[in-house]
PDB file of N, CA and C in Angstrom:
ATOM      1  N   MET A   1       0.834  -1.176   0.000  1.00  0.00           N
ATOM      2  CA  MET A   1       0.000   0.000   0.000  1.00  0.00           C
ATOM      3  C   MET A   1       0.878   1.238   0.000  1.00  0.00           C
ATOM      4  N   VAL A   2       0.577   2.121  -0.878  1.00  0.00           N
ATOM      5  CA  VAL A   2       1.271   3.406  -0.929  1.00  0.00           C
ATOM      6  C   VAL A   2       0.242   4.474  -0.613  1.00  0.00           C
ATOM      7  N   ALA A   3       0.520   5.249   0.414  1.00  0.00           N
ATOM      8  CA  ALA A   3      -0.361   6.347   0.792  1.00  0.00           C
ATOM      9  C   ALA A   3       0.346   7.650   0.459  1.00  0.00           C
ATOM     10  N   LEU A   4      -0.428   8.629   0.086  1.00  0.00           N
ATOM     11  CA  LEU A   4       0.140   9.931  -0.251  1.00  0.00           C
ATOM     12  C   LEU A   4      -0.446  10.965   0.701  1.00  0.00           C
ATOM     13  N   LEU A   5       0.427  11.656   1.446  1.00  0.00           N
ATOM     14  CA  LEU A   5       0.007  12.720   2.344  1.00  0.00           C
ATOM     15  C   LEU A   5       0.530  14.028   1.752  1.00  0.00           C
ATOM     16  N   VAL A   6      -0.384  14.918   1.419  1.00  0.00           N
ATOM     17  CA  VAL A   6      -0.039  16.191   0.800  1.00  0.00           C
ATOM     18  C   VAL A   6      -0.295  17.293   1.820  1.00  0.00           C
ATOM     19  N   GLU A   7       0.699  18.119   2.070  1.00  0.00           N
ATOM     20  CA  GLU A   7       0.511  19.260   2.960  1.00  0.00           C
ATOM     21  C   GLU A   7       0.337  20.513   2.103  1.00  0.00           C
ATOM     22  N   ALA A   8      -0.868  21.054   2.139  1.00  0.00           N
ATOM     23  CA  ALA A   8      -1.172  22.273   1.390  1.00  0.00           C
ATOM     24  C   ALA A   8      -0.750  23.471   2.231  1.00  0.00           C
ATOM     25  N   ASN A   9      -0.405  24.551   1.562  1.00  0.00           N
ATOM     26  CA  ASN A   9       0.010  25.744   2.306  1.00  0.00           C
ATOM     27  C   ASN A   9      -0.585  27.016   1.733  1.00  0.00           C
ATOM     28  N   GLY A  10      -1.737  26.891   1.093  1.00  0.00           N
ATOM     29  CA  GLY A  10      -2.405  28.067   0.570  1.00  0.00           C
ATOM     30  C   GLY A  10      -1.900  28.521  -0.784  1.00  0.00           C
ATOM     31  N   ASN A  11      -0.893  27.867  -1.309  1.00  0.00           N
ATOM     32  CA  ASN A  11      -0.362  28.233  -2.619  1.00  0.00           C
ATOM     33  C   ASN A  11      -1.187  27.598  -3.722  1.00  0.00           C
ATOM     34  N   HIS A  12      -1.191  28.234  -4.853  1.00  0.00           N
ATOM     35  CA  HIS A  12      -1.882  27.715  -6.026  1.00  0.00           C
ATOM     36  C   HIS A  12      -1.071  26.564  -6.616  1.00  0.00           C
ATOM     37  N   LEU A  13      -1.754  25.474  -6.927  1.00  0.00           N
ATOM     38  CA  LEU A  13      -1.091  24.354  -7.589  1.00  0.00           C
ATOM     39  C   LEU A  13      -1.176  24.557  -9.102  1.00  0.00           C
ATOM     40  N   ALA A  14      -0.056  24.486  -9.741  1.00  0.00           N
ATOM     41  CA  ALA A  14      -0.031  24.651 -11.197  1.00  0.00           C
ATOM     42  C   ALA A  14      -0.770  23.495 -11.854  1.00  0.00           C
ATOM     43  N   PRO A  15      -1.395  23.755 -13.017  1.00  0.00           N
ATOM     44  CA  PRO A  15      -2.070  22.673 -13.729  1.00  0.00           C
ATOM     45  C   PRO A  15      -1.080  21.541 -13.995  1.00  0.00           C
ATOM     46  N   GLY A  16      -1.538  20.334 -13.808  1.00  0.00           N
ATOM     47  CA  GLY A  16      -0.689  19.182 -14.073  1.00  0.00           C
ATOM     48  C   GLY A  16       0.022  18.626 -12.850  1.00  0.00           C
ATOM     49  N   VAL A  17       0.022  19.364 -11.737  1.00  0.00           N
ATOM     50  CA  VAL A  17       0.724  18.882 -10.539  1.00  0.00           C
ATOM     51  C   VAL A  17       0.078  17.590 -10.046  1.00  0.00           C
ATOM     52  N   ARG A  18      -1.246  17.588  -9.938  1.00  0.00           N
ATOM     53  CA  ARG A  18      -1.947  16.390  -9.478  1.00  0.00           C
ATOM     54  C   ARG A  18      -1.677  15.208 -10.401  1.00  0.00           C
ATOM     55  N   GLU A  19      -1.772  15.442 -11.689  1.00  0.00           N
ATOM     56  CA  GLU A  19      -1.556  14.369 -12.648  1.00  0.00           C
ATOM     57  C   GLU A  19      -0.132  13.827 -12.551  1.00  0.00           C
ATOM     58  N   HIS A  20       0.826  14.719 -12.385  1.00  0.00           N
ATOM     59  CA  HIS A  20       2.216  14.284 -12.254  1.00  0.00           C
ATOM     60  C   HIS A  20       2.409  13.446 -10.991  1.00  0.00           C
ATOM     61  N   ALA A  21       1.861  13.920  -9.881  1.00  0.00           N
ATOM     62  CA  ALA A  21       2.012  13.199  -8.616  1.00  0.00           C
ATOM     63  C   ALA A  21       1.386  11.812  -8.709  1.00  0.00           C
ATOM     64  N   LEU A  22       0.219  11.725  -9.309  1.00  0.00           N
ATOM     65  CA  LEU A  22      -0.461  10.435  -9.395  1.00  0.00           C
ATOM     66  C   LEU A  22       0.126   9.535 -10.469  1.00  0.00           C
ATOM     67  N   SER A  23       0.831  10.099 -11.446  1.00  0.00           N
ATOM     68  CA  SER A  23       1.448   9.249 -12.467  1.00  0.00           C
ATOM     69  C   SER A  23       2.779   8.692 -11.981  1.00  0.00           C
ATOM     70  N   SER A  24       3.428   9.372 -11.021  1.00  0.00           N
ATOM     71  CA  SER A  24       4.707   8.881 -10.519  1.00  0.00           C
ATOM     72  C   SER A  24       4.526   7.786  -9.477  1.00  0.00           C
ATOM     73  N   VAL A  25       3.391   7.768  -8.833  1.00  0.00           N
ATOM     74  CA  VAL A  25       3.108   6.757  -7.826  1.00  0.00           C
ATOM     75  C   VAL A  25       1.611   6.451  -7.901  1.00  0.00           C
ATOM     76  N   SER A  26       1.242   5.243  -7.593  1.00  0.00           N
ATOM     77  CA  SER A  26      -0.171   4.871  -7.633  1.00  0.00           C
ATOM     78  C   SER A  26      -0.654   4.623  -6.202  1.00  0.00           C
ATOM     79  N   PRO A  27      -1.060   5.683  -5.520  1.00  0.00           N
ATOM     80  CA  PRO A  27      -1.438   5.528  -4.116  1.00  0.00           C
ATOM     81  C   PRO A  27      -2.793   4.842  -3.937  1.00  0.00           C
ATOM     82  N   SER A  28      -2.950   4.216  -2.773  1.00  0.00           N
ATOM     83  CA  SER A  28      -4.237   3.626  -2.410  1.00  0.00           C
ATOM     84  C   SER A  28      -5.195   4.697  -1.920  1.00  0.00           C
ATOM     85  N   ALA A  29      -4.625   5.786  -1.366  1.00  0.00           N
ATOM     86  CA  ALA A  29      -5.427   6.884  -0.838  1.00  0.00           C
ATOM     87  C   ALA A  29      -4.565   8.136  -0.749  1.00  0.00           C
ATOM     88  N   VAL A  30      -5.234   9.289  -0.795  1.00  0.00           N
ATOM     89  CA  VAL A  30      -4.537  10.568  -0.705  1.00  0.00           C
ATOM     90  C   VAL A  30      -5.182  11.399   0.397  1.00  0.00           C
ATOM     91  N   ALA A  31      -4.372  11.818   1.367  1.00  0.00           N
ATOM     92  CA  ALA A  31      -4.833  12.696   2.442  1.00  0.00           C
ATOM     93  C   ALA A  31      -4.194  14.059   2.237  1.00  0.00           C
ATOM     94  N   ILE A  32      -5.011  15.089   2.243  1.00  0.00           N
ATOM     95  CA  ILE A  32      -4.512  16.451   2.071  1.00  0.00           C
ATOM     96  C   ILE A  32      -4.700  17.191   3.397  1.00  0.00           C
ATOM     97  N   VAL A  33      -3.612  17.757   3.914  1.00  0.00           N
ATOM     98  CA  VAL A  33      -3.650  18.498   5.171  1.00  0.00           C
ATOM     99  C   VAL A  33      -3.504  19.980   4.859  1.00  0.00           C
ATOM    100  N   GLY A  34      -4.389  20.793   5.403  1.00  0.00           N
ATOM    101  CA  GLY A  34      -4.316  22.224   5.168  1.00  0.00           C
ATOM    102  C   GLY A  34      -4.965  22.994   6.303  1.00  0.00           C
ATOM    103  N   ALA A  35      -4.903  24.312   6.180  1.00  0.00           N
ATOM    104  CA  ALA A  35      -5.435  25.155   7.253  1.00  0.00           C
ATOM    105  C   ALA A  35      -6.325  26.282   6.747  1.00  0.00           C
ATOM    106  N   THR A  36      -6.399  26.460   5.440  1.00  0.00           N
ATOM    107  CA  THR A  36      -7.154  27.602   4.914  1.00  0.00           C
ATOM    108  C   THR A  36      -8.276  27.127   4.000  1.00  0.00           C
ATOM    109  N   SER A  37      -9.185  28.033   3.699  1.00  0.00           N
ATOM    110  CA  SER A  37     -10.265  27.691   2.771  1.00  0.00           C
ATOM    111  C   SER A  37      -9.707  27.427   1.374  1.00  0.00           C
ATOM    112  N   ILE A  38      -8.623  28.083   1.021  1.00  0.00           N
ATOM    113  CA  ILE A  38      -7.978  27.832  -0.277  1.00  0.00           C
ATOM    114  C   ILE A  38      -7.451  26.402  -0.322  1.00  0.00           C
ATOM    115  N   ASP A  39      -6.839  25.951   0.776  1.00  0.00           N
ATOM    116  CA  ASP A  39      -6.356  24.570   0.846  1.00  0.00           C
ATOM    117  C   ASP A  39      -7.510  23.590   0.653  1.00  0.00           C
ATOM    118  N   ARG A  40      -8.636  23.869   1.306  1.00  0.00           N
ATOM    119  CA  ARG A  40      -9.800  22.980   1.196  1.00  0.00           C
ATOM    120  C   ARG A  40     -10.321  22.917  -0.241  1.00  0.00           C
ATOM    121  N   VAL A  41     -10.385  24.057  -0.902  1.00  0.00           N
ATOM    122  CA  VAL A  41     -10.854  24.095  -2.293  1.00  0.00           C
ATOM    123  C   VAL A  41      -9.895  23.325  -3.198  1.00  0.00           C
ATOM    124  N   GLN A  42      -8.594  23.517  -2.997  1.00  0.00           N
ATOM    125  CA  GLN A  42      -7.619  22.798  -3.813  1.00  0.00           C
ATOM    126  C   GLN A  42      -7.697  21.295  -3.552  1.00  0.00           C
ATOM    127  N   ALA A  43      -7.940  20.909  -2.311  1.00  0.00           N
ATOM    128  CA  ALA A  43      -8.078  19.487  -1.990  1.00  0.00           C
ATOM    129  C   ALA A  43      -9.283  18.891  -2.711  1.00  0.00           C
ATOM    130  N   ALA A  44     -10.381  19.627  -2.727  1.00  0.00           N
ATOM    131  CA  ALA A  44     -11.581  19.151  -3.429  1.00  0.00           C
ATOM    132  C   ALA A  44     -11.291  19.008  -4.920  1.00  0.00           C
ATOM    133  N   ARG A  45     -10.551  19.956  -5.461  1.00  0.00           N
ATOM    134  CA  ARG A  45     -10.194  19.906  -6.882  1.00  0.00           C
ATOM    135  C   ARG A  45      -9.311  18.701  -7.185  1.00  0.00           C
ATOM    136  N   MET A  46      -8.386  18.403  -6.283  1.00  0.00           N
ATOM    137  CA  MET A  46      -7.499  17.254  -6.495  1.00  0.00           C
ATOM    138  C   MET A  46      -8.268  15.938  -6.513  1.00  0.00           C
ATOM    139  N   GLY A  47      -9.353  15.855  -5.738  1.00  0.00           N
ATOM    140  CA  GLY A  47     -10.101  14.614  -5.648  1.00  0.00           C
ATOM    141  C   GLY A  47     -11.106  14.398  -6.762  1.00  0.00           C
ATOM    142  N   ARG A  48     -11.351  15.429  -7.560  1.00  0.00           N
ATOM    143  CA  ARG A  48     -12.320  15.313  -8.650  1.00  0.00           C
ATOM    144  C   ARG A  48     -11.876  14.295  -9.691  1.00  0.00           C
ATOM    145  N   ASN A  49     -12.836  13.556 -10.209  1.00  0.00           N
ATOM    146  CA  ASN A  49     -12.604  12.608 -11.296  1.00  0.00           C
ATOM    147  C   ASN A  49     -11.499  11.606 -10.980  1.00  0.00           C
ATOM    148  N   SER A  50     -11.453  11.147  -9.758  1.00  0.00           N
ATOM    149  CA  SER A  50     -10.433  10.195  -9.358  1.00  0.00           C
ATOM    150  C   SER A  50     -11.081   8.980  -8.714  1.00  0.00           C
ATOM    151  N   ASP A  51     -10.542   7.808  -9.020  1.00  0.00           N
ATOM    152  CA  ASP A  51     -11.013   6.582  -8.376  1.00  0.00           C
ATOM    153  C   ASP A  51     -10.298   6.359  -7.051  1.00  0.00           C
ATOM    154  N   ILE A  52      -9.285   7.166  -6.775  1.00  0.00           N
ATOM    155  CA  ILE A  52      -8.505   7.041  -5.545  1.00  0.00           C
ATOM    156  C   ILE A  52      -9.188   7.863  -4.459  1.00  0.00           C
ATOM    157  N   PRO A  53      -9.434   7.269  -3.284  1.00  0.00           N
ATOM    158  CA  PRO A  53     -10.054   8.039  -2.198  1.00  0.00           C
ATOM    159  C   PRO A  53      -9.186   9.228  -1.793  1.00  0.00           C
ATOM    160  N   HIS A  54      -9.808  10.377  -1.662  1.00  0.00           N
ATOM    161  CA  HIS A  54      -9.163  11.615  -1.215  1.00  0.00           C
ATOM    162  C   HIS A  54      -9.930  12.145  -0.017  1.00  0.00           C
ATOM    163  N   ALA A  55      -9.229  12.759   0.927  1.00  0.00           N
ATOM    164  CA  ALA A  55      -9.891  13.402   2.056  1.00  0.00           C
ATOM    165  C   ALA A  55      -9.047  14.585   2.521  1.00  0.00           C
ATOM    166  N   TYR A  56      -9.722  15.583   3.072  1.00  0.00           N
ATOM    167  CA  TYR A  56      -9.067  16.797   3.568  1.00  0.00           C
ATOM    168  C   TYR A  56      -9.077  16.781   5.091  1.00  0.00           C
ATOM    169  N   PHE A  57      -7.968  17.199   5.691  1.00  0.00           N
ATOM    170  CA  PHE A  57      -7.823  17.217   7.145  1.00  0.00           C
ATOM    171  C   PHE A  57      -7.164  18.509   7.599  1.00  0.00           C
ATOM    172  N   ASN A  58      -7.432  18.883   8.848  1.00  0.00           N
ATOM    173  CA  ASN A  58      -6.795  20.051   9.448  1.00  0.00           C
ATOM    174  C   ASN A  58      -5.540  19.687  10.217  1.00  0.00           C
ATOM    175  N   SER A  59      -5.292  18.385  10.423  1.00  0.00           N
ATOM    176  CA  SER A  59      -4.108  17.977  11.180  1.00  0.00           C
ATOM    177  C   SER A  59      -3.461  16.747  10.540  1.00  0.00           C
ATOM    178  N   ARG A  60      -2.139  16.680  10.673  1.00  0.00           N
ATOM    179  CA  ARG A  60      -1.406  15.509  10.174  1.00  0.00           C
ATOM    180  C   ARG A  60      -1.856  14.240  10.875  1.00  0.00           C
ATOM    181  N   GLU A  61      -2.087  14.349  12.183  1.00  0.00           N
ATOM    182  CA  GLU A  61      -2.476  13.168  12.960  1.00  0.00           C
ATOM    183  C   GLU A  61      -3.769  12.557  12.418  1.00  0.00           C
ATOM    184  N   SER A  62      -4.764  13.369  12.171  1.00  0.00           N
ATOM    185  CA  SER A  62      -6.034  12.869  11.621  1.00  0.00           C
ATOM    186  C   SER A  62      -5.826  12.253  10.243  1.00  0.00           C
ATOM    187  N   ALA A  63      -5.007  12.893   9.427  1.00  0.00           N
ATOM    188  CA  ALA A  63      -4.731  12.374   8.085  1.00  0.00           C
ATOM    189  C   ALA A  63      -4.034  11.021   8.170  1.00  0.00           C
ATOM    190  N   ARG A  64      -3.056  10.912   9.053  1.00  0.00           N
ATOM    191  CA  ARG A  64      -2.332   9.631   9.202  1.00  0.00           C
ATOM    192  C   ARG A  64      -3.249   8.526   9.704  1.00  0.00           C
ATOM    193  N   GLU A  65      -4.141   8.849  10.632  1.00  0.00           N
ATOM    194  CA  GLU A  65      -5.092   7.849  11.123  1.00  0.00           C
ATOM    195  C   GLU A  65      -5.977   7.353   9.984  1.00  0.00           C
ATOM    196  N   TRP A  66      -6.447   8.271   9.153  1.00  0.00           N
ATOM    197  CA  TRP A  66      -7.307   7.898   8.017  1.00  0.00           C
ATOM    198  C   TRP A  66      -6.535   7.016   7.046  1.00  0.00           C
ATOM    199  N   LEU A  67      -5.301   7.400   6.731  1.00  0.00           N
ATOM    200  CA  LEU A  67      -4.474   6.598   5.824  1.00  0.00           C
ATOM    201  C   LEU A  67      -4.165   5.226   6.412  1.00  0.00           C
ATOM    202  N   ALA A  68      -3.973   5.149   7.727  1.00  0.00           N
ATOM    203  CA  ALA A  68      -3.686   3.867   8.377  1.00  0.00           C
ATOM    204  C   ALA A  68      -4.839   2.882   8.185  1.00  0.00           C
ATOM    205  N   GLY A  69      -6.055   3.387   8.084  1.00  0.00           N
ATOM    206  CA  GLY A  69      -7.193   2.519   7.822  1.00  0.00           C
ATOM    207  C   GLY A  69      -7.071   1.798   6.494  1.00  0.00           C
ATOM    208  N   PHE A  70      -6.481   2.428   5.514  1.00  0.00           N
ATOM    209  CA  PHE A  70      -6.261   1.786   4.214  1.00  0.00           C
ATOM    210  C   PHE A  70      -5.163   0.741   4.317  1.00  0.00           C
ATOM    211  N   ALA A  71      -4.153   1.012   5.132  1.00  0.00           N
ATOM    212  CA  ALA A  71      -3.066   0.050   5.330  1.00  0.00           C
ATOM    213  C   ALA A  71      -3.610  -1.222   5.983  1.00  0.00           C
ATOM    214  N   ARG A  72      -4.478  -1.030   6.992  1.00  0.00           N
ATOM    215  CA  ARG A  72      -5.073  -2.204   7.661  1.00  0.00           C
ATOM    216  C   ARG A  72      -5.951  -2.987   6.692  1.00  0.00           C
ATOM    217  N   ALA A  73      -6.666  -2.305   5.824  1.00  0.00           N
ATOM    218  CA  ALA A  73      -7.541  -2.970   4.863  1.00  0.00           C
ATOM    219  C   ALA A  73      -6.753  -3.791   3.845  1.00  0.00           C
ATOM    220  N   ASP A  74      -5.524  -3.348   3.551  1.00  0.00           N
ATOM    221  CA  ASP A  74      -4.691  -4.059   2.590  1.00  0.00           C
ATOM    222  C   ASP A  74      -4.112  -5.345   3.181  1.00  0.00           C
ATOM    223  N   ASN A  75      -4.034  -5.426   4.504  1.00  0.00           N
ATOM    224  CA  ASN A  75      -3.432  -6.608   5.145  1.00  0.00           C
ATOM    225  C   ASN A  75      -4.410  -7.715   5.335  1.00  0.00           C
TER     226      ASN A  75
END
């Protein structure tokens, strides 16, 4: 299982960043951690049209717990 944890920081993601990240690795799930409304919007955009589960979190700990659920499911 490969999990991807993305830490957003309010910056704009250039077109193609999501596609590049997902083409270099095939994650079982993607957790996006952020603190702003811009981060939340970008996280929603990243999850669009994807078969890979995506979720947005305000803390790394919550994101890691969510990703750990996928690791347990793979075992």
